């Protein structure tokens, strides 16, 4: 060991291979926020997450309402419309039905 290392620290350097064994695991954690800041941050994150869930739910309900209206209109047109009207109504109904099946299959894989 060099004399300058002893002079700078006053203590001999630590040999980490002697301190740390193969079965040991160490973790260093540094925090730069006070407990009050951590509480404020967590409450803000919880409020943001709740707002995001509410917005997602509202968007889902709105999309479901619009798709339901379009689907009902197309089924009604398919049942009572002319031959040309039935062609485009059948295409839209089949697209909505295949999208629903795709969504449900995708949810089952998660």
Protein backbone atom coordinates (compact mmCIF):
# COMPACT_ATOMS: atom_id res chain seq x y z
CA UNK A 1 0.00 0.00 0.00
CA UNK A 2 1.29 3.45 -0.84
CA UNK A 3 2.08 6.04 1.79
CA UNK A 4 -0.02 8.65 0.00
CA UNK A 5 -3.19 6.53 0.38
CA UNK A 6 -2.59 6.25 4.12
CA UNK A 7 -1.89 9.95 4.40
CA UNK A 8 -5.02 11.01 2.44
CA UNK A 9 -7.58 8.91 4.27
CA UNK A 10 -5.94 8.01 7.52
CA UNK A 11 -7.38 4.48 7.17
CA UNK A 12 -6.13 1.60 5.08
CA UNK A 13 -8.25 0.86 1.97
CA UNK A 14 -10.92 -1.81 2.28
CA UNK A 15 -10.52 -5.00 0.30
CA UNK A 16 -14.03 -5.62 -1.04
CA UNK A 17 -13.31 -9.22 -2.02
CA UNK A 18 -12.90 -10.00 1.69
CA UNK A 19 -16.08 -8.17 2.71
CA UNK A 20 -18.44 -9.37 -0.02
CA UNK A 21 -19.01 -13.11 -0.28
CA UNK A 22 -20.53 -15.01 -3.17
CA UNK A 23 -23.93 -15.36 -1.46
CA UNK A 24 -24.24 -11.70 -0.53
CA UNK A 25 -26.02 -9.02 -2.44
CA UNK A 26 -25.75 -5.31 -1.67
CA UNK A 27 -27.74 -2.41 -2.96
CA UNK A 28 -26.95 1.28 -2.72
CA UNK A 29 -29.86 3.67 -2.57
CA UNK A 30 -29.61 7.44 -2.67
CA UNK A 31 -32.65 9.63 -2.08
CA UNK A 32 -32.69 13.36 -2.56
CA UNK A 33 -36.26 14.06 -1.46
CA UNK A 34 -37.62 14.66 1.98
CA UNK A 35 -40.43 12.48 3.36
CA UNK A 36 -42.86 15.38 2.84
CA UNK A 37 -41.80 15.68 -0.80
CA UNK A 38 -42.21 11.92 -1.26
CA UNK A 39 -45.74 12.03 0.18
CA UNK A 40 -46.67 14.97 -2.06
CA UNK A 41 -45.19 13.24 -5.12
CA UNK A 42 -47.05 10.00 -4.40
CA UNK A 43 -50.37 11.79 -3.87
CA UNK A 44 -49.90 13.70 -7.14
CA UNK A 45 -49.07 10.47 -8.98
CA UNK A 46 -52.15 8.79 -7.51
CA UNK A 47 -54.36 11.72 -8.57
CA UNK A 48 -52.88 11.66 -12.08
CA UNK A 49 -53.43 7.91 -12.35
CA UNK A 50 -57.03 8.24 -11.18
CA UNK A 51 -57.71 11.00 -13.72
CA UNK A 52 -56.16 8.90 -16.48
CA UNK A 53 -58.37 5.92 -15.55
CA UNK A 54 -61.49 8.13 -15.56
CA UNK A 55 -60.60 9.64 -18.93
CA UNK A 56 -59.91 6.22 -20.43
CA UNK A 57 -63.22 4.91 -19.09
CA UNK A 58 -65.13 7.92 -20.46
CA UNK A 59 -63.49 7.51 -23.87
CA UNK A 60 -64.31 3.79 -23.86
CA UNK A 61 -67.97 4.49 -23.01
CA UNK A 62 -68.20 7.18 -25.71
CA UNK A 63 -66.68 4.86 -28.33
CA UNK A 64 -69.00 2.05 -27.27
CA UNK A 65 -72.02 4.36 -27.58
CA UNK A 66 -71.03 5.54 -31.07
CA UNK A 67 -70.29 2.00 -32.29
CA UNK A 68 -73.61 0.80 -30.85
CA UNK A 69 -75.52 3.56 -32.67
CA UNK A 70 -73.76 2.81 -35.96
CA UNK A 71 -74.28 -0.94 -35.52
CA UNK A 72 -77.98 -0.50 -34.73
CA UNK A 73 -78.45 1.81 -37.71
CA UNK A 74 -76.69 -0.61 -40.04
CA UNK A 75 -78.72 -3.59 -38.80
CA UNK A 76 -81.92 -1.59 -39.27
CA UNK A 77 -80.81 -0.55 -42.78
CA UNK A 78 -79.88 -4.14 -43.59
CA UNK A 79 -83.31 -5.33 -42.49
CA UNK A 80 -85.39 -2.60 -44.19
CA UNK A 81 -83.21 -1.00 -46.88
CA UNK A 82 -82.76 -1.42 -50.58
CA UNK A 83 -80.29 -3.84 -52.16
CA UNK A 84 -77.58 -1.17 -52.45
CA UNK A 85 -78.12 -0.08 -48.86
CA UNK A 86 -77.84 -3.68 -47.68
CA UNK A 87 -74.42 -4.02 -49.35
CA UNK A 88 -72.74 -1.22 -47.42
CA UNK A 89 -74.64 -1.99 -44.21
CA UNK A 90 -73.48 -5.62 -44.32
CA UNK A 91 -69.87 -4.47 -44.78
CA UNK A 92 -70.02 -2.17 -41.78
CA UNK A 93 -71.75 -4.77 -39.58
CA UNK A 94 -69.16 -7.40 -40.53
CA UNK A 95 -66.30 -4.93 -39.82
CA UNK A 96 -67.72 -4.12 -36.38
CA UNK A 97 -68.26 -7.81 -35.61
CA UNK A 98 -64.75 -8.81 -36.72
CA UNK A 99 -63.26 -5.93 -34.72
CA UNK A 100 -65.13 -7.11 -31.64
CA UNK A 101 -63.95 -10.69 -32.12
CA UNK A 102 -60.37 -9.47 -32.63
CA UNK A 103 -60.58 -7.41 -29.46
CA UNK A 104 -61.93 -10.32 -27.43
CA UNK A 105 -59.28 -12.71 -28.76
CA UNK A 106 -56.57 -10.16 -28.00
CA UNK A 107 -57.88 -9.78 -24.44
CA UNK A 108 -57.80 -13.55 -23.96
CA UNK A 109 -54.08 -13.74 -24.79
CA UNK A 110 -53.01 -11.24 -22.13
